[in-house]
Structures are given as structure tokens and as C-alpha cells.
Amino acid sequence: MKIQSIALLLIVLLPATVRAEDSSPGTPPMKNTDGFTNTPIVPGTTWHVHDPNRPQPEIVTPGSFSTQDSPGKPPSDAVVLFNGGDLSAWRDAKGAPAHWKIENGELIESKGDIFTKQEFGDVQLHVEFQCPPPKGHSQERGNSGVFLMGKYEVQVLDSYQNPTYADGTLGAMYGQHPPLANVARPPGQWQVYDIVFHPPHFDENGKLKSPAIATVFLNGVLVQDHQTFDGPTGWKILGHYSPQPPTGPISLQDHNNVTRFRNIWARQLKAAE
């Protein structure tokens, strides 16, 4: 009885199959030998439910979370746009080198908007920012913005105990959609945007097929839930679409403030199956 119990325990503890996640980080995943090919086909694909031949996801090493004292690390497949060192990934509106200041590894809002040299379409974007000490009120405090494709703005503002119009507060898709909640931290603390953006699509005649869409987390809280842009951002006007290229730069707005930025990175998103 004792020998049989030990044998049974070993059978339970030993893995029945070799799984992709058992391979070491940075090495190609092993083929999964567990699965079924006598199950129904998943709609819209050629794969069976639990198909052992279905391609494994790419291995990405996750980054680390930031603290107030130090920025975290981006995931292994991220395009690093600013890590505290230089502005080599950025340009000004005319294509010349960006001239924002760098101080203590932080990027400081200065004269003129800046744009990434690389262009993005479907993207996951991470941006950390810090609003300056309170001065003025409403739109005068810590005003900047994160623009996707250089056209679609997610507002940056000191909205801690600072009322302003709802579609212009921190977390808003500026001029269009207020955030679902005000989760602003006090000025002087680092705040975090994590944005998933999908660009608009047009048919061969330039007619809009699908609008731009953003999902936005601010300080870990969902503030825009797969929300559509009504068109490119404007001031005191309605958004309106016109044909545009499939990719565009990420830009940071200069609004005559001294908002600081750090740890900016992006992941180009691949289409699902």
C-alpha cells in the first residue's frame, strides 16, 4: 500500500505534457503536445478548439512598475521613446531636433510641441507625467496633452481639486468625452497613462469605415472604455474625419506649462487572428 501511494503521488506531481511556458525566457517555446483535433472549429479560424497545432503567442518579458521615486522598466518588445537620456526619438513640428529640456532624467515641457520620429497605428502607449505646483486655475494648471497620430488628444492637466469643463479635465478625450472618474493625484506626484489606441480606417473612396478608438487607464483606473473619437481633436469645434494615412506620430503638447514626463514607451499591436 505504501509503495502504491508513493507511485500515485509522483504521477499527480509530474507534468503530463511539455508546455510552452516551461521553456526558458528568451528561447522559442516548445511545441505543445497536449490538445485535440476532433473538436469543433473555432468560428472565423481554421483551428480546432484546444488545437495543439495552433501557433503559440510570442514570448514577451514583462517590465516593472514605477514608484514615485523611480521609473519602471518597459516590456521587452517596447519601443522606448524616452528613458531619461536623450531626445533622439523626437523631432519638432518642422522635423528639426526637439528642444525640450531634460533635467534629472525628466523631460520638461518647453517651447513647441514635439513628435516621435517613428509613426504608429495600433499601439499601446505608456506615459508618466508630473504636474507643476499649483498656479492659476482651470486650464492654466499643468496643461499638456498626449496626441495619438498627432491628431487625437488625451488631456494632461492638474485636475486635483481644480474644476474645469468636464471634456477638458485629466483623462478626457479632449473636447469630446469626459473621463469615467477623476483619479488625479496631487501636483508634484507622478501620474501614469496607459493607452490602447486603434486608428480610423477608410475605404478606397475615402469614406470612414471605422473611427479611432481609445481605452485609457489613468493611475491604474479605467477612465475611457473603448471609446470612439468623433474625429481629430480641436478647440471649441466638433471633431470631423477626413482621409488620413494609417500611421502617425505620437506627440506631446506644449501649453506654456512646466509639466514633466518620464518613462515613455510604446508597443506596436498586431492584429488578432
C-alpha atoms as a PDB file:
ATOM      1  CA  MET A   1       0.000   0.000   0.000  1.00  0.00           C
ATOM      2  CA  LYS A   2       2.810   2.404   0.854  1.00  0.00           C
ATOM      3  CA  ILE A   3       4.637   1.855  -2.465  1.00  0.00           C
ATOM      4  CA  GLN A   4       1.400   2.309  -4.422  1.00  0.00           C
ATOM      5  CA  SER A   5       0.676   5.593  -2.609  1.00  0.00           C
ATOM      6  CA  ILE A   6       4.120   6.982  -3.451  1.00  0.00           C
ATOM      7  CA  ALA A   7       3.743   5.999  -7.099  1.00  0.00           C
ATOM      8  CA  LEU A   8       0.334   7.663  -7.266  1.00  0.00           C
ATOM      9  CA  LEU A   9       1.748  10.853  -5.731  1.00  0.00           C
ATOM     10  CA  LEU A  10       4.537  11.004  -8.331  1.00  0.00           C
ATOM     11  CA  ILE A  11       2.017  10.625 -11.150  1.00  0.00           C
ATOM     12  CA  VAL A  12      -0.019  13.569  -9.788  1.00  0.00           C
ATOM     13  CA  LEU A  13       3.001  15.847  -9.337  1.00  0.00           C
ATOM     14  CA  LEU A  14       4.815  15.206 -12.615  1.00  0.00           C
ATOM     15  CA  PRO A  15       3.628  17.309 -15.615  1.00  0.00           C
ATOM     16  CA  ALA A  16       1.669  15.338 -18.154  1.00  0.00           C
ATOM     17  CA  THR A  17       2.838  17.415 -21.120  1.00  0.00           C
ATOM     18  CA  VAL A  18       5.598  19.812 -22.093  1.00  0.00           C
ATOM     19  CA  ARG A  19       4.097  23.299 -22.236  1.00  0.00           C
ATOM     20  CA  ALA A  20       5.320  26.465 -23.976  1.00  0.00           C
ATOM     21  CA  GLU A  21       5.545  28.309 -20.697  1.00  0.00           C
ATOM     22  CA  ASP A  22       8.007  25.696 -19.362  1.00  0.00           C
ATOM     23  CA  SER A  23      10.722  26.941 -21.730  1.00  0.00           C
ATOM     24  CA  SER A  24      13.273  29.463 -20.541  1.00  0.00           C
ATOM     25  CA  PRO A  25      12.655  33.190 -21.219  1.00  0.00           C
ATOM     26  CA  GLY A  26      14.168  34.341 -24.476  1.00  0.00           C
ATOM     27  CA  THR A  27      14.053  30.880 -26.101  1.00  0.00           C
ATOM     28  CA  PRO A  28      11.490  29.683 -28.655  1.00  0.00           C
ATOM     29  CA  PRO A  29       8.541  27.971 -26.970  1.00  0.00           C
ATOM     30  CA  MET A  30       8.409  24.183 -27.125  1.00  0.00           C
ATOM     31  CA  LYS A  31       5.656  22.642 -29.187  1.00  0.00           C
ATOM     32  CA  ASN A  32       2.599  21.867 -27.098  1.00  0.00           C
ATOM     33  CA  THR A  33       1.847  18.164 -27.437  1.00  0.00           C
ATOM     34  CA  ASP A  34      -1.391  18.365 -25.486  1.00  0.00           C
ATOM     35  CA  GLY A  35      -4.634  19.103 -27.328  1.00  0.00           C
ATOM     36  CA  PHE A  36      -7.358  17.803 -29.615  1.00  0.00           C
ATOM     37  CA  THR A  37      -8.092  17.738 -33.340  1.00  0.00           C
ATOM     38  CA  ASN A  38     -11.512  16.059 -33.100  1.00  0.00           C
ATOM     39  CA  THR A  39     -13.190  19.123 -31.595  1.00  0.00           C
ATOM     40  CA  PRO A  40     -15.269  21.840 -33.345  1.00  0.00           C
ATOM     41  CA  ILE A  41     -13.558  24.518 -35.464  1.00  0.00           C
ATOM     42  CA  VAL A  42     -13.341  27.900 -33.747  1.00  0.00           C
ATOM     43  CA  PRO A  43     -15.539  30.309 -35.807  1.00  0.00           C
ATOM     44  CA  GLY A  44     -13.526  32.533 -38.125  1.00  0.00           C
ATOM     45  CA  THR A  45     -10.403  30.353 -37.903  1.00  0.00           C
ATOM     46  CA  THR A  46      -9.056  27.067 -39.204  1.00  0.00           C
ATOM     47  CA  TRP A  47      -8.239  25.844 -35.701  1.00  0.00           C
ATOM     48  CA  HIS A  48      -9.992  23.242 -33.597  1.00  0.00           C
ATOM     49  CA  VAL A  49     -10.948  24.022 -30.009  1.00  0.00           C
ATOM     50  CA  HIS A  50      -7.797  23.157 -27.970  1.00  0.00           C
ATOM     51  CA  ASP A  51      -5.869  22.585 -31.221  1.00  0.00           C
ATOM     52  CA  PRO A  52      -2.285  21.504 -30.434  1.00  0.00           C
ATOM     53  CA  ASN A  53      -1.059  22.966 -33.741  1.00  0.00           C
ATOM     54  CA  ARG A  54      -2.372  26.474 -33.139  1.00  0.00           C
ATOM     55  CA  PRO A  55       0.582  28.929 -33.025  1.00  0.00           C
ATOM     56  CA  GLN A  56       1.836  29.843 -29.583  1.00  0.00           C
ATOM     57  CA  PRO A  57       1.889  33.529 -28.511  1.00  0.00           C
ATOM     58  CA  GLU A  58       5.160  35.406 -28.737  1.00  0.00           C
ATOM     59  CA  ILE A  59       7.137  35.429 -25.505  1.00  0.00           C
ATOM     60  CA  VAL A  60       7.477  38.956 -24.091  1.00  0.00           C
ATOM     61  CA  THR A  61       9.364  39.630 -20.897  1.00  0.00           C
ATOM     62  CA  PRO A  62       7.239  41.957 -18.770  1.00  0.00           C
ATOM     63  CA  GLY A  63       8.655  45.174 -17.401  1.00  0.00           C
ATOM     64  CA  SER A  64       8.395  46.508 -13.878  1.00  0.00           C
ATOM     65  CA  PHE A  65       6.105  49.020 -12.237  1.00  0.00           C
ATOM     66  CA  SER A  66       7.240  52.539 -11.424  1.00  0.00           C
ATOM     67  CA  THR A  67       7.328  54.101  -7.987  1.00  0.00           C
ATOM     68  CA  GLN A  68       7.212  57.785  -7.082  1.00  0.00           C
ATOM     69  CA  ASP A  69      10.993  57.650  -6.669  1.00  0.00           C
ATOM     70  CA  SER A  70      11.988  55.786  -9.815  1.00  0.00           C
ATOM     71  CA  PRO A  71      10.521  54.807 -13.190  1.00  0.00           C
ATOM     72  CA  GLY A  72       9.894  51.170 -14.016  1.00  0.00           C
ATOM     73  CA  LYS A  73      11.187  49.190 -16.972  1.00  0.00           C
ATOM     74  CA  PRO A  74       9.280  48.665 -20.225  1.00  0.00           C
ATOM     75  CA  PRO A  75       8.422  45.206 -21.581  1.00  0.00           C
ATOM     76  CA  SER A  76      10.980  43.575 -23.839  1.00  0.00           C
ATOM     77  CA  ASP A  77       9.144  44.323 -27.097  1.00  0.00           C
ATOM     78  CA  ALA A  78       8.530  48.025 -26.387  1.00  0.00           C
ATOM     79  CA  VAL A  79       9.841  50.915 -28.456  1.00  0.00           C
ATOM     80  CA  VAL A  80      11.483  53.160 -25.867  1.00  0.00           C
ATOM     81  CA  LEU A  81      10.630  56.791 -26.642  1.00  0.00           C
ATOM     82  CA  PHE A  82      12.175  58.421 -23.570  1.00  0.00           C
ATOM     83  CA  ASN A  83      14.158  56.753 -20.800  1.00  0.00           C
ATOM     84  CA  GLY A  84      15.739  59.830 -19.231  1.00  0.00           C
ATOM     85  CA  GLY A  85      18.729  60.044 -21.537  1.00  0.00           C
ATOM     86  CA  ASP A  86      18.114  61.980 -24.738  1.00  0.00           C
ATOM     87  CA  LEU A  87      15.545  63.133 -27.281  1.00  0.00           C
ATOM     88  CA  SER A  88      16.844  61.127 -30.224  1.00  0.00           C
ATOM     89  CA  ALA A  89      13.375  59.592 -30.758  1.00  0.00           C
ATOM     90  CA  TRP A  90      11.721  63.021 -31.092  1.00  0.00           C
ATOM     91  CA  ARG A  91      11.507  65.963 -33.505  1.00  0.00           C
ATOM     92  CA  ASP A  92       9.744  69.305 -33.624  1.00  0.00           C
ATOM     93  CA  ALA A  93       6.799  70.158 -35.890  1.00  0.00           C
ATOM     94  CA  LYS A  94       9.135  71.004 -38.787  1.00  0.00           C
ATOM     95  CA  GLY A  95      11.262  67.888 -38.485  1.00  0.00           C
ATOM     96  CA  ALA A  96      14.180  69.527 -36.693  1.00  0.00           C
ATOM     97  CA  PRO A  97      15.577  68.095 -33.431  1.00  0.00           C
ATOM     98  CA  ALA A  98      13.247  68.517 -30.450  1.00  0.00           C
ATOM     99  CA  HIS A  99      14.325  71.204 -27.981  1.00  0.00           C
ATOM    100  CA  TRP A 100      12.518  70.309 -24.782  1.00  0.00           C
ATOM    101  CA  LYS A 101      14.731  70.313 -21.709  1.00  0.00           C
ATOM    102  CA  ILE A 102      15.989  67.241 -19.880  1.00  0.00           C
ATOM    103  CA  GLU A 103      16.686  67.628 -16.179  1.00  0.00           C
ATOM    104  CA  ASN A 104      17.474  64.817 -13.726  1.00  0.00           C
ATOM    105  CA  GLY A 105      16.308  62.275 -16.281  1.00  0.00           C
ATOM    106  CA  GLU A 106      12.970  64.049 -16.747  1.00  0.00           C
ATOM    107  CA  LEU A 107      11.595  65.632 -19.912  1.00  0.00           C
ATOM    108  CA  ILE A 108      10.248  69.140 -19.297  1.00  0.00           C
ATOM    109  CA  GLU A 109       7.540  70.749 -21.403  1.00  0.00           C
ATOM    110  CA  SER A 110       9.154  73.609 -23.277  1.00  0.00           C
ATOM    111  CA  LYS A 111       8.687  75.664 -26.426  1.00  0.00           C
ATOM    112  CA  GLY A 112       6.686  73.929 -29.150  1.00  0.00           C
ATOM    113  CA  ASP A 113       5.014  70.526 -29.447  1.00  0.00           C
ATOM    114  CA  ILE A 114       7.258  67.512 -30.005  1.00  0.00           C
ATOM    115  CA  PHE A 115       6.607  64.455 -32.187  1.00  0.00           C
ATOM    116  CA  THR A 116       8.055  60.966 -32.385  1.00  0.00           C
ATOM    117  CA  LYS A 117      10.146  60.260 -35.445  1.00  0.00           C
ATOM    118  CA  GLN A 118       8.609  56.802 -35.636  1.00  0.00           C
ATOM    119  CA  GLU A 119       4.947  56.542 -36.580  1.00  0.00           C
ATOM    120  CA  PHE A 120       2.345  54.243 -35.061  1.00  0.00           C
ATOM    121  CA  GLY A 121      -1.118  52.927 -35.840  1.00  0.00           C
ATOM    122  CA  ASP A 122      -2.491  50.329 -33.436  1.00  0.00           C
ATOM    123  CA  VAL A 123      -0.470  50.960 -30.308  1.00  0.00           C
ATOM    124  CA  GLN A 124      -0.182  50.511 -26.561  1.00  0.00           C
ATOM    125  CA  LEU A 125       1.329  53.679 -25.092  1.00  0.00           C
ATOM    126  CA  HIS A 126       2.744  54.265 -21.608  1.00  0.00           C
ATOM    127  CA  VAL A 127       3.410  57.833 -20.435  1.00  0.00           C
ATOM    128  CA  GLU A 128       4.280  59.107 -16.951  1.00  0.00           C
ATOM    129  CA  PHE A 129       3.884  62.792 -16.110  1.00  0.00           C
ATOM    130  CA  GLN A 130       4.075  65.195 -13.193  1.00  0.00           C
ATOM    131  CA  CYS A 131       2.166  68.477 -12.970  1.00  0.00           C
ATOM    132  CA  PRO A 132       3.939  71.538 -11.504  1.00  0.00           C
ATOM    133  CA  PRO A 133       2.981  73.279  -8.236  1.00  0.00           C
ATOM    134  CA  PRO A 134      -0.476  74.911  -8.478  1.00  0.00           C
ATOM    135  CA  LYS A 135      -0.555  78.265 -10.234  1.00  0.00           C
ATOM    136  CA  GLY A 136      -3.729  79.661 -11.762  1.00  0.00           C
ATOM    137  CA  HIS A 137      -6.879  77.614 -12.181  1.00  0.00           C
ATOM    138  CA  SER A 138      -8.848  75.512 -14.654  1.00  0.00           C
ATOM    139  CA  GLN A 139      -6.902  75.062 -17.918  1.00  0.00           C
ATOM    140  CA  GLU A 140      -3.956  77.108 -16.652  1.00  0.00           C
ATOM    141  CA  ARG A 141      -2.657  74.363 -14.351  1.00  0.00           C
ATOM    142  CA  GLY A 142      -0.307  71.670 -15.632  1.00  0.00           C
ATOM    143  CA  ASN A 143      -1.804  71.742 -19.117  1.00  0.00           C
ATOM    144  CA  SER A 144      -0.343  69.486 -21.797  1.00  0.00           C
ATOM    145  CA  GLY A 145      -1.639  66.618 -23.875  1.00  0.00           C
ATOM    146  CA  VAL A 146      -0.814  63.237 -25.365  1.00  0.00           C
ATOM    147  CA  PHE A 147      -1.744  63.068 -29.047  1.00  0.00           C
ATOM    148  CA  LEU A 148      -2.126  59.768 -30.887  1.00  0.00           C
ATOM    149  CA  MET A 149      -1.188  60.032 -34.563  1.00  0.00           C
ATOM    150  CA  GLY A 150      -0.572  63.708 -33.779  1.00  0.00           C
ATOM    151  CA  LYS A 151      -4.346  64.250 -34.014  1.00  0.00           C
ATOM    152  CA  TYR A 152      -6.265  62.567 -31.180  1.00  0.00           C
ATOM    153  CA  GLU A 153      -5.694  64.071 -27.735  1.00  0.00           C
ATOM    154  CA  VAL A 154      -5.886  62.546 -24.291  1.00  0.00           C
ATOM    155  CA  GLN A 155      -5.730  65.531 -21.958  1.00  0.00           C
ATOM    156  CA  VAL A 156      -2.976  66.178 -19.411  1.00  0.00           C
ATOM    157  CA  LEU A 157      -3.984  68.649 -16.700  1.00  0.00           C
ATOM    158  CA  ASP A 158      -3.693  69.232 -12.965  1.00  0.00           C
ATOM    159  CA  SER A 159      -7.239  68.175 -12.081  1.00  0.00           C
ATOM    160  CA  TYR A 160      -6.629  67.690  -8.363  1.00  0.00           C
ATOM    161  CA  GLN A 161      -9.155  69.967  -6.647  1.00  0.00           C
ATOM    162  CA  ASN A 162      -9.201  72.074  -9.817  1.00  0.00           C
ATOM    163  CA  PRO A 163     -12.635  72.189 -11.510  1.00  0.00           C
ATOM    164  CA  THR A 164     -12.798  72.816 -15.248  1.00  0.00           C
ATOM    165  CA  TYR A 165     -15.123  71.820 -18.089  1.00  0.00           C
ATOM    166  CA  ALA A 166     -15.631  68.051 -17.987  1.00  0.00           C
ATOM    167  CA  ASP A 167     -14.382  67.269 -21.501  1.00  0.00           C
ATOM    168  CA  GLY A 168     -11.157  69.158 -20.763  1.00  0.00           C
ATOM    169  CA  THR A 169     -10.198  67.552 -17.466  1.00  0.00           C
ATOM    170  CA  LEU A 170      -7.444  64.997 -16.875  1.00  0.00           C
ATOM    171  CA  GLY A 171      -8.358  61.722 -18.573  1.00  0.00           C
ATOM    172  CA  ALA A 172     -10.671  63.347 -21.107  1.00  0.00           C
ATOM    173  CA  MET A 173     -10.587  62.752 -24.822  1.00  0.00           C
ATOM    174  CA  TYR A 174     -10.295  66.500 -25.172  1.00  0.00           C
ATOM    175  CA  GLY A 175     -13.413  68.347 -26.295  1.00  0.00           C
ATOM    176  CA  GLN A 176     -15.330  65.092 -26.776  1.00  0.00           C
ATOM    177  CA  HIS A 177     -15.585  62.634 -23.885  1.00  0.00           C
ATOM    178  CA  PRO A 178     -15.079  63.305 -20.146  1.00  0.00           C
ATOM    179  CA  PRO A 179     -13.303  60.579 -18.168  1.00  0.00           C
ATOM    180  CA  LEU A 180     -15.336  57.998 -16.259  1.00  0.00           C
ATOM    181  CA  ALA A 181     -13.719  59.167 -12.997  1.00  0.00           C
ATOM    182  CA  ASN A 182     -11.389  61.846 -11.662  1.00  0.00           C
ATOM    183  CA  VAL A 183      -8.427  59.919 -10.255  1.00  0.00           C
ATOM    184  CA  ALA A 184      -5.923  62.770 -10.363  1.00  0.00           C
ATOM    185  CA  ARG A 185      -3.046  62.723  -7.921  1.00  0.00           C
ATOM    186  CA  PRO A 186      -1.838  65.941  -6.284  1.00  0.00           C
ATOM    187  CA  PRO A 187       0.613  68.068  -8.285  1.00  0.00           C
ATOM    188  CA  GLY A 188       4.200  67.021  -7.673  1.00  0.00           C
ATOM    189  CA  GLN A 189       3.325  63.311  -7.759  1.00  0.00           C
ATOM    190  CA  TRP A 190       3.960  61.116 -10.775  1.00  0.00           C
ATOM    191  CA  GLN A 191       0.864  60.014 -12.673  1.00  0.00           C
ATOM    192  CA  VAL A 192       0.557  57.270 -15.280  1.00  0.00           C
ATOM    193  CA  TYR A 193      -1.312  56.913 -18.557  1.00  0.00           C
ATOM    194  CA  ASP A 194      -1.672  53.515 -20.211  1.00  0.00           C
ATOM    195  CA  ILE A 195      -3.480  53.946 -23.512  1.00  0.00           C
ATOM    196  CA  VAL A 196      -4.581  51.416 -26.130  1.00  0.00           C
ATOM    197  CA  PHE A 197      -5.337  53.163 -29.404  1.00  0.00           C
ATOM    198  CA  HIS A 198      -6.744  51.949 -32.713  1.00  0.00           C
ATOM    199  CA  PRO A 199      -6.659  54.346 -35.689  1.00  0.00           C
ATOM    200  CA  PRO A 200      -9.566  55.115 -38.002  1.00  0.00           C
ATOM    201  CA  HIS A 201      -9.983  53.179 -41.223  1.00  0.00           C
ATOM    202  CA  PHE A 202     -11.236  54.463 -44.574  1.00  0.00           C
ATOM    203  CA  ASP A 203     -12.392  52.710 -47.722  1.00  0.00           C
ATOM    204  CA  GLU A 204     -10.874  53.212 -51.173  1.00  0.00           C
ATOM    205  CA  ASN A 205     -13.135  56.241 -51.721  1.00  0.00           C
ATOM    206  CA  GLY A 206     -12.030  57.957 -48.517  1.00  0.00           C
ATOM    207  CA  LYS A 207     -15.261  57.154 -46.662  1.00  0.00           C
ATOM    208  CA  LEU A 208     -14.900  56.386 -42.949  1.00  0.00           C
ATOM    209  CA  LYS A 209     -15.242  52.654 -42.247  1.00  0.00           C
ATOM    210  CA  SER A 210     -14.428  52.719 -38.530  1.00  0.00           C
ATOM    211  CA  PRO A 211     -13.475  55.581 -36.170  1.00  0.00           C
ATOM    212  CA  ALA A 212     -10.443  55.929 -33.943  1.00  0.00           C
ATOM    213  CA  ILE A 213     -10.881  54.190 -30.596  1.00  0.00           C
ATOM    214  CA  ALA A 214      -9.064  54.547 -27.277  1.00  0.00           C
ATOM    215  CA  THR A 215      -9.046  52.680 -23.997  1.00  0.00           C
ATOM    216  CA  VAL A 216      -7.360  54.724 -21.289  1.00  0.00           C
ATOM    217  CA  PHE A 217      -6.156  53.836 -17.805  1.00  0.00           C
ATOM    218  CA  LEU A 218      -5.092  56.693 -15.543  1.00  0.00           C
ATOM    219  CA  ASN A 219      -3.195  55.748 -12.396  1.00  0.00           C
ATOM    220  CA  GLY A 220      -4.452  52.193 -12.855  1.00  0.00           C
ATOM    221  CA  VAL A 221      -8.125  53.176 -13.155  1.00  0.00           C
ATOM    222  CA  LEU A 222     -10.159  52.803 -16.354  1.00  0.00           C
ATOM    223  CA  VAL A 223     -11.251  56.283 -17.478  1.00  0.00           C
ATOM    224  CA  GLN A 224     -12.090  55.669 -21.167  1.00  0.00           C
ATOM    225  CA  ASP A 225     -13.632  52.310 -22.075  1.00  0.00           C
ATOM    226  CA  HIS A 226     -13.107  51.509 -25.762  1.00  0.00           C
ATOM    227  CA  GLN A 227     -14.382  54.994 -26.516  1.00  0.00           C
ATOM    228  CA  THR A 228     -14.587  56.385 -30.046  1.00  0.00           C
ATOM    229  CA  PHE A 229     -13.095  59.689 -31.122  1.00  0.00           C
ATOM    230  CA  ASP A 230     -15.609  61.839 -33.002  1.00  0.00           C
ATOM    231  CA  GLY A 231     -12.718  62.957 -35.186  1.00  0.00           C
ATOM    232  CA  PRO A 232      -9.368  64.663 -34.674  1.00  0.00           C
ATOM    233  CA  THR A 233      -9.175  66.906 -31.608  1.00  0.00           C
ATOM    234  CA  GLY A 234      -9.982  70.597 -31.884  1.00  0.00           C
ATOM    235  CA  TRP A 235     -10.767  73.557 -29.664  1.00  0.00           C
ATOM    236  CA  LYS A 236     -14.380  74.780 -29.496  1.00  0.00           C
ATOM    237  CA  ILE A 237     -15.288  72.730 -32.590  1.00  0.00           C
ATOM    238  CA  LEU A 238     -16.744  69.323 -33.365  1.00  0.00           C
ATOM    239  CA  GLY A 239     -14.472  66.529 -34.483  1.00  0.00           C
ATOM    240  CA  HIS A 240     -14.674  65.679 -38.175  1.00  0.00           C
ATOM    241  CA  TYR A 241     -12.953  62.875 -40.077  1.00  0.00           C
ATOM    242  CA  SER A 242     -11.168  63.194 -43.380  1.00  0.00           C
ATOM    243  CA  PRO A 243      -8.954  60.578 -45.062  1.00  0.00           C
ATOM    244  CA  GLN A 244      -5.547  60.167 -43.440  1.00  0.00           C
ATOM    245  CA  PRO A 245      -2.563  57.786 -43.547  1.00  0.00           C
ATOM    246  CA  PRO A 246      -2.757  54.586 -41.459  1.00  0.00           C
ATOM    247  CA  THR A 247       0.008  55.674 -39.090  1.00  0.00           C
ATOM    248  CA  GLY A 248       1.167  58.890 -37.465  1.00  0.00           C
ATOM    249  CA  PRO A 249       3.474  60.212 -34.741  1.00  0.00           C
ATOM    250  CA  ILE A 250       2.814  60.371 -31.034  1.00  0.00           C
ATOM    251  CA  SER A 251       3.113  63.961 -29.846  1.00  0.00           C
ATOM    252  CA  LEU A 252       3.313  65.830 -26.555  1.00  0.00           C
ATOM    253  CA  GLN A 253       1.767  69.276 -26.348  1.00  0.00           C
ATOM    254  CA  ASP A 254       3.403  72.483 -25.188  1.00  0.00           C
ATOM    255  CA  HIS A 255       0.808  74.630 -23.400  1.00  0.00           C
ATOM    256  CA  ASN A 256       3.166  77.085 -21.704  1.00  0.00           C
ATOM    257  CA  ASN A 257       3.438  74.968 -18.564  1.00  0.00           C
ATOM    258  CA  VAL A 258       6.305  73.035 -16.986  1.00  0.00           C
ATOM    259  CA  THR A 259       4.772  69.575 -16.921  1.00  0.00           C
ATOM    260  CA  ARG A 260       7.414  66.847 -16.624  1.00  0.00           C
ATOM    261  CA  PHE A 261       7.481  63.457 -18.366  1.00  0.00           C
ATOM    262  CA  ARG A 262       9.400  60.222 -17.898  1.00  0.00           C
ATOM    263  CA  ASN A 263       9.340  56.539 -18.893  1.00  0.00           C
ATOM    264  CA  ILE A 264       7.602  56.845 -22.258  1.00  0.00           C
ATOM    265  CA  TRP A 265       7.315  53.695 -24.342  1.00  0.00           C
ATOM    266  CA  ALA A 266       5.060  52.135 -26.969  1.00  0.00           C
ATOM    267  CA  ARG A 267       4.194  48.664 -28.210  1.00  0.00           C
ATOM    268  CA  GLN A 268       3.053  48.241 -31.793  1.00  0.00           C
ATOM    269  CA  LEU A 269      -0.001  45.999 -31.661  1.00  0.00           C
ATOM    270  CA  LYS A 270      -0.551  43.150 -34.072  1.00  0.00           C
ATOM    271  CA  ALA A 271      -3.963  42.304 -35.446  1.00  0.00           C
ATOM    272  CA  ALA A 272      -5.766  39.411 -33.803  1.00  0.00           C
ATOM    273  CA  GLU A 273      -6.401  36.249 -35.779  1.00  0.00           C
END
